[in-house]
Structure formats: C-alpha cells, structure tokens
Amino acid sequence: MKKSRGRTSRKRRRKHLQSFMDGVNSSHKMEYIKLKKWLKDRGFEDSNLRPAQFWDTGRGLMTTKALQAGALVISLPEKCLLTTGTVLSSCLGEYIMKWKPPVSPLIALCTFLIAEKHAGEKSLWKPYLDVLPKTYTCPVCLEHDVVSLLPQPLRRKAQEQRMTVHELHMSSKAFFSSLQPLFAENTGTIFNYSALEWAWCTINTRTIYMKHSQRECFSLEPDVYALAPYLDLLNHSPNVQVKAAFNEQTRSYEIWTNSQCKKYEEVFICYGPHDNQRLLLEYGFVTMNNPHSSVYVSSDTLLKYFPPLDKQRNAKIAILKDHDFLENLTFGWDGPSWRLLTALKLLSLGADEFTCWRRTLLGDVISARNEQRTLNITAKICHFLMEETQHVLLQISQLKRNKENLKKQLALVEALRLEDLKILQKSAEILCDLNMATT
C-alpha cells in the first residue's frame, strides 16, 4: 500500500510540475471573469484560449485544444476594439473636433485612456483597464542608472524616446486644459506626465496595426492604432508565423497561425523579425535565443582601431558616411555582418590600395594583406565588446544586491547583455576559425 501511495504522490508532483511548465490557468481570477463577460456582451465568442501564468513569459494565453497550421487563433469583433472612432464617439469627441491645431490620433487615444482610468468605476472600459499593466519596462520608464547600462546605440534611442514623450506632454498641455468642463478636478493633476507616460506605453506596446481613413479633426500623422482587449495578452515569439488583419466581411480582427501548437501550450504570435534591442525599445522585453538578435558596433568603437595618422582616414570616413556604412554594423549568431566587414575592409585599405575603394564596397577581395588586417581588427573589436559586456554584467550584479527597487529593470538589461555576450562569444569562435583558415 505504502509503495503505491508514494508512486501516486510522485505522479501528482510530476503532474503539478508539468502544469507549472505549461502554465497555470488564471481564468478563475475575477479580473478575467469580468473581462470575458464584458467581451461577450460585445459579441466575442469564447475561443479555446485561456489566460495563464507562464514561468518564462509571465502572463499569456494557453490553448485548450491543439492548433494546426492554418487555424484561426482569435477573432475579435470591431465593437471590442478601442480606436480613434471610440474616442470621437465619447464625451471627448466634441472637444477634439473643435481643437486647433488638430491633435494627433496618438494623443486622442492617450487622452481617452487617461480619462477612462480616472473615471474608475464609471468607465465603460473598466474591465479592460483593470487587466492592463500598471507599470511598463520600456526605456522611457527606466531609471537613469539602468539606462546608463544599456548598449550605446540603444541608450541613445532610449534618450530620444524620453524626449518624445516629454515633448508630447508639453505640447498637449493646452489641449488637456480645454477639457476642464468635463472634470471636477484640475486637468493638470489628471493629465500629468506620469499619466501620459503610462498611456503612451500602453499604446506603444499593445496596439495592433489597423488603418483608419484620415479624419479632418486629427493631424496628418497616420491613424493606424487599435487596442485589442484579450488579444493583447498573446506574447511574442520569433519562432512562429501568423497572419493578422482586420476582416472586412466579418468586421473582426483575426489572427491565423501558420505554426502548430499543442494542447495546453502557450499560444504565441510574432510582432516581426525584431532584434532584442528593438523589442526592448518598443515593447519593454527581450527574448532569449532570439535568431534576429545582433550586437551593434558604434562608429566610435569602429574608428578606435585605426591610426589617426592614416592620411586617407578622413576620406575613408567620408566615403563610409556617403554610402551609409557607419550605421547598422553588427555581430550576429553567424559572426560579423557583411556590412561590418565591408566597412572595416575599406578602413584597412593601404595607401597603395585606396583607389580600389569602390571595389571594396562591392565585396571584391583587394589583397590577402587587406583581408588579414580586416579579420584582425574585427576580432579586436569583438573582444573589446565582450570585455565591455562582462564589465556591465558585473555592475548589474552589484546593483541588484544594493538596489532592491530596481531588480526588475536590472534583470531586463541583464538578459539583453547576456544574450549579447553569447553572440559575441560565437562571433569570436567564427573569427578564430576564419583566421586559421587564412593563415
């Protein structure tokens, strides 16, 4: 008897572990029950998807039946979508229509989200607002100490992102003030910077692409956003393929999968072939073993390895600039990119080879000397970036011990840097092999 009970408990433990690996069903939680009822009232047919908590991706959707390639994953009726049309038919509509110069579709949506969140229990969109993240991990929300640990090209873009949101808030203050008749409280406190930052991140990270016809009451920026409750719980994977579009016949936004998915597994969609820097910038997360990931080489790093006494140095830099060879120079899983090698080949041309620069840009081999010099410098840059990445990883582990409040943000940058390190180590091996083959 004892034996069989032991076996049963082992089985149960294994089953529990398996369910945790697959994901823990969250559909019993009150916020999801309310959301599903709200969606049903708007015509959404319950699909095979269930909200769940996954150990590696966090919150997502699991399927209760196996999906074959070509299956419809989800079909969300137009009534469930939050678009500029929704905003215009709300009490904000008349204020937007008469405001000059016209606001952008983005600001209209941000304003609506802030106003509805402020309305609390009175908001018709409360069941959706309740499942939206309270905070985000896009670079615009990261603490200064954390941003300084990002790779240089991403750090620059993070600063640009912060400026964009800051300018958006400053330029919208007068419009927000015009909405005062709708609120008992001061609009300055309702539409403050952190409220706009939250709304901007919600739209930037969660909207689906849906083209709307140009309306005169909006500025000329493209009106291509739609928030899709429930559907936006689907997480990204670079390894799946989906077809997503608004179906004019069914008046629903539909997602069809081109990949298979087993029963009780997480269902993924693909946001596009983005590297981890782009995923972090736009969506606030990174994905491990991302086939599209790259480590970017800044032009400063590139030029550090070339003697300032080279008489043709300035001419070479000018040529690279004119032919757009100072940007998007990368190391990937398959080693240094063609663009990076080409830029380095041109910079490595000897004084007697400089007249061949056009052939270099076309990918021709100029000389064995040039090839060897290029490989040596590429390896030096690769090792420099490896050391720099290891140094930053050390800083992160120290900060994680000292700054409890930044743990989540630091873990994100750490994941990005660890992936970078793996790519650089792989590139170093490839370069070592190439070097041995040429000597």
Protein backbone atom coordinates (compact mmCIF):
# COMPACT_ATOMS: atom_id res chain seq x y z
CA MET A 1 0.00 0.00 0.00
CA LYS A 2 2.74 2.42 1.00
CA LYS A 3 4.55 1.94 -2.29
CA SER A 4 1.55 2.78 -4.43
CA ARG A 5 0.81 5.91 -2.36
CA GLY A 6 4.41 7.04 -2.89
CA ARG A 7 4.05 6.43 -6.60
CA THR A 8 0.76 8.36 -6.66
CA SER A 9 2.24 11.35 -4.88
CA ARG A 10 5.23 11.25 -7.25
CA LYS A 11 2.83 11.17 -10.18
CA ARG A 12 0.87 14.04 -8.69
CA ARG A 13 4.08 16.02 -8.12
CA ARG A 14 5.19 15.37 -11.71
CA LYS A 15 1.76 16.40 -12.99
CA HIS A 16 1.88 19.59 -10.88
CA LEU A 17 5.39 20.37 -12.19
CA GLN A 18 4.21 19.73 -15.76
CA SER A 19 1.24 22.05 -15.33
CA PHE A 20 3.59 24.74 -14.00
CA MET A 21 5.89 24.25 -17.02
CA ASP A 22 2.90 24.55 -19.34
CA GLY A 23 1.33 27.43 -17.50
CA VAL A 24 -1.06 27.96 -14.60
CA ASN A 25 -4.63 28.66 -15.72
CA SER A 26 -5.76 32.10 -14.49
CA SER A 27 -9.29 32.20 -15.94
CA HIS A 28 -10.83 31.82 -12.44
CA LYS A 29 -9.44 35.23 -11.43
CA MET A 30 -12.15 37.88 -11.04
CA GLU A 31 -10.47 40.38 -13.44
CA TYR A 32 -10.56 37.80 -16.28
CA ILE A 33 -14.13 36.66 -15.48
CA LYS A 34 -15.26 40.30 -15.74
CA LEU A 35 -13.24 40.88 -18.93
CA LYS A 36 -14.69 37.76 -20.62
CA LYS A 37 -18.27 38.80 -19.70
CA TRP A 38 -17.62 42.33 -20.98
CA LEU A 39 -16.24 40.93 -24.27
CA LYS A 40 -19.18 38.51 -24.62
CA ASP A 41 -21.61 41.44 -24.29
CA ARG A 42 -19.78 43.00 -27.26
CA GLY A 43 -20.16 39.88 -29.42
CA PHE A 44 -16.93 38.00 -28.70
CA GLU A 45 -17.39 34.23 -28.95
CA ASP A 46 -15.38 32.36 -26.34
CA SER A 47 -12.44 30.74 -28.10
CA ASN A 48 -10.09 27.96 -26.93
CA LEU A 49 -7.79 30.49 -25.30
CA ARG A 50 -7.39 30.82 -21.53
CA PRO A 51 -5.40 33.42 -19.59
CA ALA A 52 -2.48 31.73 -17.83
CA GLN A 53 0.73 32.48 -15.97
CA PHE A 54 3.86 31.01 -17.59
CA TRP A 55 7.18 30.61 -15.80
CA ASP A 56 9.28 32.14 -18.61
CA THR A 57 6.99 34.67 -20.33
CA GLY A 58 4.72 35.71 -17.45
CA ARG A 59 1.11 36.40 -18.37
CA GLY A 60 -0.13 34.94 -21.65
CA LEU A 61 -2.79 32.80 -23.33
CA MET A 62 -2.85 28.99 -23.47
CA THR A 63 -4.95 26.87 -25.81
CA THR A 64 -7.33 24.19 -24.53
CA LYS A 65 -7.10 22.29 -27.81
CA ALA A 66 -4.27 21.54 -30.22
CA LEU A 67 -3.94 24.11 -33.03
CA GLN A 68 -2.92 23.07 -36.53
CA ALA A 69 -1.16 25.34 -39.02
CA GLY A 70 -3.83 27.42 -40.74
CA ALA A 71 -6.13 27.54 -37.67
CA LEU A 72 -7.94 30.68 -36.54
CA VAL A 73 -6.44 31.67 -33.19
CA ILE A 74 -8.78 34.53 -32.28
CA SER A 75 -11.46 36.70 -33.87
CA LEU A 76 -12.20 39.93 -32.02
CA PRO A 77 -15.31 41.89 -33.15
CA GLU A 78 -14.92 45.55 -34.08
CA LYS A 79 -17.05 46.54 -31.06
CA CYS A 80 -14.32 45.24 -28.74
CA LEU A 81 -11.57 47.33 -30.35
CA LEU A 82 -10.54 50.69 -28.94
CA THR A 83 -9.80 53.08 -31.83
CA THR A 84 -9.95 56.82 -32.55
CA GLY A 85 -13.57 56.14 -33.57
CA THR A 86 -14.24 55.06 -29.95
CA VAL A 87 -12.65 58.29 -28.72
CA LEU A 88 -14.68 60.50 -31.06
CA SER A 89 -17.97 58.91 -30.01
CA SER A 90 -17.14 59.58 -26.33
CA CYS A 91 -17.62 62.88 -24.47
CA LEU A 92 -14.10 63.85 -25.62
CA GLY A 93 -15.26 63.90 -29.27
CA GLU A 94 -16.65 67.42 -29.43
CA TYR A 95 -13.54 68.87 -27.73
CA ILE A 96 -11.23 67.08 -30.21
CA MET A 97 -13.33 68.22 -33.19
CA LYS A 98 -13.08 71.89 -32.31
CA TRP A 99 -9.45 71.97 -31.10
CA LYS A 100 -6.97 73.78 -33.36
CA PRO A 101 -4.35 72.86 -34.45
CA PRO A 102 -5.77 69.32 -34.58
CA VAL A 103 -4.41 66.74 -32.13
CA SER A 104 -2.73 63.55 -33.35
CA PRO A 105 -4.56 60.18 -33.31
CA LEU A 106 -1.97 59.09 -30.72
CA ILE A 107 -2.79 61.96 -28.33
CA ALA A 108 -6.54 61.32 -28.78
CA LEU A 109 -6.06 57.71 -27.67
CA CYS A 110 -3.76 58.68 -24.78
CA THR A 111 -6.30 61.26 -23.59
CA PHE A 112 -9.10 58.67 -23.70
CA LEU A 113 -7.10 56.11 -21.70
CA ILE A 114 -6.18 58.66 -19.00
CA ALA A 115 -9.78 59.96 -18.78
CA GLU A 116 -11.25 56.44 -18.55
CA LYS A 117 -8.71 55.37 -15.93
CA HIS A 118 -9.58 58.49 -13.94
CA ALA A 119 -13.32 57.68 -14.22
CA GLY A 120 -12.69 54.43 -12.32
CA GLU A 121 -15.93 52.52 -11.63
CA LYS A 122 -17.88 54.78 -14.01
CA SER A 123 -15.78 53.82 -17.05
CA LEU A 124 -17.40 51.55 -19.65
CA TRP A 125 -13.89 50.23 -20.34
CA LYS A 126 -13.09 49.36 -16.71
CA PRO A 127 -12.89 45.53 -17.26
CA TYR A 128 -10.20 46.15 -19.89
CA LEU A 129 -8.35 48.85 -17.94
CA ASP A 130 -8.19 46.51 -14.93
CA VAL A 131 -6.08 43.95 -16.81
CA LEU A 132 -3.68 46.48 -18.34
CA PRO A 133 -0.19 46.62 -16.77
CA LYS A 134 0.11 49.22 -14.01
CA THR A 135 3.75 49.86 -14.96
CA TYR A 136 5.92 49.27 -18.03
CA THR A 137 9.57 48.46 -18.68
CA CYS A 138 10.07 50.44 -21.91
CA PRO A 139 13.27 52.54 -21.80
CA VAL A 140 11.18 55.70 -21.22
CA CYS A 141 10.17 54.25 -17.80
CA LEU A 142 13.62 53.00 -16.79
CA GLU A 143 15.61 54.74 -14.08
CA HIS A 144 18.66 56.76 -15.21
CA ASP A 145 21.04 54.27 -13.51
CA VAL A 146 19.53 51.44 -15.55
CA VAL A 147 19.50 53.33 -18.88
CA SER A 148 23.25 54.00 -18.47
CA LEU A 149 23.84 50.21 -18.57
CA LEU A 150 22.24 49.79 -22.00
CA PRO A 151 24.45 49.31 -25.10
CA GLN A 152 25.36 52.70 -26.56
CA PRO A 153 23.09 52.69 -29.67
CA LEU A 154 20.09 51.65 -27.54
CA ARG A 155 20.98 54.19 -24.85
CA ARG A 156 20.78 56.95 -27.48
CA LYS A 157 17.38 55.70 -28.69
CA ALA A 158 16.14 55.45 -25.09
CA GLN A 159 17.03 59.12 -24.55
CA GLU A 160 15.21 60.03 -27.79
CA GLN A 161 12.15 58.09 -26.60
CA ARG A 162 12.14 60.01 -23.32
CA MET A 163 12.37 63.34 -25.20
CA THR A 164 9.47 62.30 -27.47
CA VAL A 165 7.13 61.60 -24.54
CA HIS A 166 8.28 64.72 -22.68
CA GLU A 167 7.64 66.94 -25.73
CA LEU A 168 4.28 65.24 -26.30
CA HIS A 169 3.23 66.13 -22.77
CA MET A 170 4.43 69.73 -23.03
CA SER A 171 2.75 70.31 -26.41
CA SER A 172 -0.57 68.80 -25.23
CA LYS A 173 -0.99 70.84 -22.03
CA ALA A 174 -3.22 73.48 -23.63
CA PHE A 175 -5.46 70.80 -25.17
CA PHE A 176 -5.73 69.00 -21.82
CA SER A 177 -6.75 72.31 -20.19
CA SER A 178 -9.57 72.70 -22.74
CA LEU A 179 -11.15 69.53 -21.30
CA GLN A 180 -11.66 71.16 -17.87
CA PRO A 181 -15.51 71.36 -18.20
CA LEU A 182 -15.58 67.51 -18.23
CA PHE A 183 -13.81 67.15 -14.88
CA ALA A 184 -14.37 68.24 -11.28
CA GLU A 185 -10.63 68.00 -10.57
CA ASN A 186 -7.93 70.13 -12.16
CA THR A 187 -6.89 68.68 -15.56
CA GLY A 188 -3.26 69.46 -14.68
CA THR A 189 -3.33 66.79 -11.97
CA ILE A 190 -5.30 64.25 -14.07
CA PHE A 191 -3.23 64.59 -17.26
CA ASN A 192 0.15 64.79 -15.54
CA TYR A 193 3.42 63.45 -17.02
CA SER A 194 3.28 60.01 -15.40
CA ALA A 195 -0.34 59.50 -16.60
CA LEU A 196 0.72 60.34 -20.17
CA GLU A 197 3.80 58.10 -19.91
CA TRP A 198 1.56 55.18 -18.85
CA ALA A 199 -0.94 55.82 -21.67
CA TRP A 200 1.82 56.26 -24.27
CA CYS A 201 3.44 52.96 -23.21
CA THR A 202 0.06 51.20 -23.30
CA ILE A 203 -0.43 52.28 -26.91
CA ASN A 204 3.19 51.78 -27.98
CA THR A 205 3.42 48.25 -26.59
CA ARG A 206 -0.10 46.90 -27.11
CA THR A 207 -1.74 48.29 -30.24
CA ILE A 208 -2.38 46.27 -33.35
CA TYR A 209 -1.98 47.82 -36.81
CA MET A 210 -5.33 48.86 -38.25
CA LYS A 211 -5.57 51.56 -40.91
CA HIS A 212 -8.35 54.12 -40.48
CA SER A 213 -9.37 56.72 -43.05
CA GLN A 214 -7.96 60.22 -42.50
CA ARG A 215 -10.26 62.48 -40.45
CA GLU A 216 -10.05 66.28 -40.59
CA CYS A 217 -10.25 66.60 -36.82
CA PHE A 218 -6.86 64.86 -36.50
CA SER A 219 -3.37 65.94 -37.55
CA LEU A 220 -1.78 64.25 -40.56
CA GLU A 221 0.05 61.51 -38.60
CA PRO A 222 -1.19 58.09 -39.71
CA ASP A 223 -4.20 56.79 -37.79
CA VAL A 224 -3.20 53.12 -37.57
CA TYR A 225 -3.77 52.15 -33.93
CA ALA A 226 -6.28 49.82 -32.28
CA LEU A 227 -6.19 48.40 -28.77
CA ALA A 228 -7.47 44.83 -28.75
CA PRO A 229 -8.61 43.59 -25.31
CA TYR A 230 -7.81 39.91 -24.58
CA LEU A 231 -5.99 39.50 -27.91
CA ASP A 232 -3.22 41.70 -26.47
CA LEU A 233 -2.46 39.02 -23.87
CA LEU A 234 -0.77 36.98 -26.64
CA ASN A 235 3.01 37.04 -26.23
CA HIS A 236 5.69 37.33 -28.92
CA SER A 237 7.94 34.56 -30.17
CA PRO A 238 10.39 34.97 -33.07
CA ASN A 239 9.84 31.30 -33.97
CA VAL A 240 6.19 31.41 -35.03
CA GLN A 241 4.40 32.76 -38.07
CA VAL A 242 0.96 34.31 -38.04
CA LYS A 243 -1.35 36.21 -40.36
CA ALA A 244 -3.15 39.09 -38.68
CA ALA A 245 -5.58 41.59 -40.21
CA PHE A 246 -8.99 43.18 -39.92
CA ASN A 247 -11.55 41.13 -41.85
CA GLU A 248 -13.98 43.48 -43.63
CA GLN A 249 -16.54 40.66 -44.14
CA THR A 250 -16.78 39.56 -40.50
CA ARG A 251 -15.93 43.06 -39.16
CA SER A 252 -13.45 41.41 -36.79
CA TYR A 253 -9.73 41.50 -36.23
CA GLU A 254 -8.44 37.99 -36.88
CA ILE A 255 -5.22 36.11 -36.18
CA TRP A 256 -4.44 32.89 -38.04
CA THR A 257 -1.46 30.74 -37.13
CA ASN A 258 0.96 29.14 -39.60
CA SER A 259 2.53 27.13 -36.76
CA GLN A 260 1.32 24.16 -34.72
CA CYS A 261 0.54 24.44 -31.02
CA LYS A 262 -0.06 21.55 -28.63
CA LYS A 263 -2.98 21.42 -26.19
CA TYR A 264 -2.35 23.47 -23.00
CA GLU A 265 0.70 25.15 -24.53
CA GLU A 266 1.16 28.90 -24.70
CA VAL A 267 -0.05 30.41 -27.96
CA PHE A 268 2.39 32.91 -29.45
CA ILE A 269 2.21 35.50 -32.18
CA CYS A 270 5.14 37.23 -33.89
CA TYR A 271 5.48 41.03 -33.71
CA GLY A 272 8.04 40.93 -36.54
CA PRO A 273 11.69 39.89 -37.10
CA HIS A 274 12.97 42.23 -34.37
CA ASP A 275 16.28 42.01 -32.55
CA ASN A 276 16.32 42.31 -28.75
CA GLN A 277 17.30 45.99 -28.76
CA ARG A 278 14.22 46.80 -30.85
CA LEU A 279 12.00 44.56 -28.67
CA LEU A 280 13.21 46.31 -25.53
CA LEU A 281 12.81 49.76 -27.06
CA GLU A 282 9.31 49.20 -28.44
CA TYR A 283 7.79 46.61 -26.11
CA GLY A 284 9.85 46.55 -22.92
CA PHE A 285 11.02 42.93 -23.03
CA VAL A 286 13.72 40.72 -24.56
CA THR A 287 13.51 37.13 -25.79
CA MET A 288 16.24 34.57 -25.19
CA ASN A 289 17.93 32.79 -28.14
CA ASN A 290 16.37 35.33 -30.49
CA PRO A 291 17.59 34.39 -34.02
CA HIS A 292 17.28 38.05 -35.08
CA SER A 293 19.45 39.43 -32.29
CA SER A 294 22.53 41.49 -33.05
CA VAL A 295 25.24 43.38 -31.22
CA TYR A 296 25.70 46.84 -32.74
CA VAL A 297 29.11 48.41 -33.28
CA SER A 298 29.09 52.18 -32.87
CA SER A 299 31.15 54.31 -35.26
CA ASP A 300 33.26 55.47 -32.26
CA THR A 301 34.25 51.87 -31.49
CA LEU A 302 34.87 51.20 -35.17
CA LEU A 303 37.29 54.12 -35.59
CA LYS A 304 39.21 53.49 -32.36
CA TYR A 305 41.24 50.79 -34.11
CA PHE A 306 42.52 52.91 -37.00
CA PRO A 307 45.58 55.14 -36.70
CA PRO A 308 44.74 58.86 -36.72
CA LEU A 309 47.93 59.35 -38.76
CA ASP A 310 46.48 57.49 -41.77
CA LYS A 311 46.47 60.27 -44.41
CA GLN A 312 43.34 58.82 -46.05
CA ARG A 313 41.44 58.36 -42.79
CA ASN A 314 39.10 61.35 -43.27
CA ALA A 315 38.45 60.44 -46.91
CA LYS A 316 37.60 56.84 -45.86
CA ILE A 317 35.19 58.05 -43.18
CA ALA A 318 33.53 60.40 -45.69
CA ILE A 319 33.09 57.51 -48.18
CA LEU A 320 31.54 55.28 -45.47
CA LYS A 321 29.20 58.12 -44.46
CA ASP A 322 28.14 58.85 -48.07
CA HIS A 323 27.39 55.17 -48.72
CA ASP A 324 25.63 54.66 -45.36
CA PHE A 325 28.23 52.27 -43.96
CA LEU A 326 28.59 53.81 -40.49
CA GLU A 327 25.21 52.61 -39.19
CA ASN A 328 23.78 49.11 -38.57
CA LEU A 329 27.16 47.42 -38.29
CA THR A 330 26.62 44.25 -36.29
CA PHE A 331 27.77 40.93 -34.92
CA GLY A 332 25.14 38.19 -35.13
CA TRP A 333 24.84 34.47 -34.37
CA ASP A 334 26.68 33.81 -37.64
CA GLY A 335 29.54 36.22 -36.88
CA PRO A 336 30.32 39.73 -38.16
CA SER A 337 27.81 41.06 -40.68
CA TRP A 338 28.79 41.73 -44.29
CA ARG A 339 28.25 45.47 -43.66
CA LEU A 340 30.65 45.47 -40.71
CA LEU A 341 33.33 43.56 -42.62
CA THR A 342 32.93 45.84 -45.65
CA ALA A 343 33.34 49.00 -43.53
CA LEU A 344 36.43 47.51 -41.88
CA LYS A 345 37.90 46.41 -45.23
CA LEU A 346 37.62 49.93 -46.55
CA LEU A 347 39.24 51.39 -43.43
CA SER A 348 42.02 48.77 -43.71
CA LEU A 349 42.99 49.70 -47.28
CA GLY A 350 46.70 50.50 -47.56
CA ALA A 351 47.83 53.78 -49.15
CA ASP A 352 48.61 51.89 -52.37
CA GLU A 353 45.13 50.23 -52.37
CA PHE A 354 42.98 53.26 -51.63
CA THR A 355 41.99 53.81 -55.29
CA CYS A 356 40.18 50.41 -55.11
CA TRP A 357 37.63 51.63 -52.52
CA ARG A 358 34.68 51.22 -54.94
CA ARG A 359 35.55 47.54 -55.44
CA THR A 360 35.66 47.11 -51.64
CA LEU A 361 32.08 48.35 -51.31
CA LEU A 362 31.03 45.81 -53.95
CA GLY A 363 32.55 43.00 -51.89
CA ASP A 364 35.65 42.30 -54.01
CA VAL A 365 38.82 40.91 -52.42
CA ILE A 366 41.53 43.57 -52.77
CA SER A 367 44.54 41.72 -51.30
CA ALA A 368 45.46 38.99 -48.81
CA ARG A 369 47.01 41.69 -46.63
CA ASN A 370 43.75 43.67 -46.54
CA GLU A 371 41.72 40.53 -45.73
CA GLN A 372 44.06 39.58 -42.87
CA ARG A 373 44.13 43.08 -41.41
CA THR A 374 40.31 43.24 -41.55
CA LEU A 375 39.97 39.94 -39.70
CA ASN A 376 42.44 41.00 -37.01
CA ILE A 377 40.65 44.28 -36.35
CA THR A 378 37.22 42.59 -36.38
CA ALA A 379 38.50 40.15 -33.73
CA LYS A 380 39.88 43.04 -31.63
CA ILE A 381 36.52 44.86 -31.75
CA CYS A 382 34.71 41.64 -30.86
CA HIS A 383 36.95 41.09 -27.82
CA PHE A 384 36.62 44.73 -26.76
CA LEU A 385 32.81 44.43 -26.82
CA MET A 386 32.98 41.14 -24.90
CA GLU A 387 35.05 42.77 -22.15
CA GLU A 388 32.75 45.77 -22.04
CA THR A 389 29.67 43.49 -21.78
CA GLN A 390 31.26 41.43 -18.99
CA HIS A 391 32.11 44.64 -17.14
CA VAL A 392 28.48 45.84 -17.37
CA LEU A 393 27.19 42.43 -16.21
CA LEU A 394 29.39 42.77 -13.13
CA GLN A 395 27.96 46.25 -12.45
CA ILE A 396 24.42 44.87 -12.81
CA SER A 397 25.01 42.06 -10.31
CA GLN A 398 26.37 44.60 -7.79
CA LEU A 399 23.40 46.95 -8.32
CA LYS A 400 20.94 44.06 -7.94
CA ARG A 401 22.32 43.48 -4.44
CA ASN A 402 22.18 47.16 -3.45
CA LYS A 403 19.05 48.40 -5.20
CA GLU A 404 16.07 46.17 -4.44
CA ASN A 405 13.61 48.59 -6.12
CA LEU A 406 15.43 48.28 -9.47
CA LYS A 407 15.63 44.47 -9.56
CA LYS A 408 13.01 44.03 -12.31
CA GLN A 409 14.55 46.71 -14.54
CA LEU A 410 18.08 45.41 -13.97
CA ALA A 411 17.05 41.83 -14.78
CA LEU A 412 15.83 43.05 -18.17
CA VAL A 413 19.12 44.76 -19.07
CA GLU A 414 20.99 41.71 -17.73
CA ALA A 415 19.02 39.40 -20.07
CA LEU A 416 19.86 41.69 -23.01
CA ARG A 417 23.57 41.81 -22.12
CA LEU A 418 23.80 38.02 -21.53
CA GLU A 419 22.36 37.42 -24.99
CA ASP A 420 24.89 39.94 -26.40
CA LEU A 421 27.72 38.08 -24.68
CA LYS A 422 26.61 34.76 -26.22
CA ILE A 423 26.53 36.34 -29.69
CA LEU A 424 30.00 37.88 -29.24
CA GLN A 425 31.46 34.57 -27.97
CA LYS A 426 30.00 32.80 -31.01
CA SER A 427 31.42 35.51 -33.30
CA ALA A 428 34.85 35.22 -31.65
CA GLU A 429 34.87 31.45 -32.40
CA ILE A 430 33.88 32.09 -36.02
CA LEU A 431 36.61 34.72 -36.42
CA CYS A 432 39.18 32.38 -34.86
CA ASP A 433 38.24 29.68 -37.41
CA LEU A 434 38.41 32.20 -40.28
CA ASN A 435 41.80 33.39 -39.10
CA MET A 436 43.17 29.85 -39.01
CA ALA A 437 41.81 29.22 -42.49
CA THR A 438 43.54 32.29 -43.96
CA THR A 439 46.94 31.90 -42.29
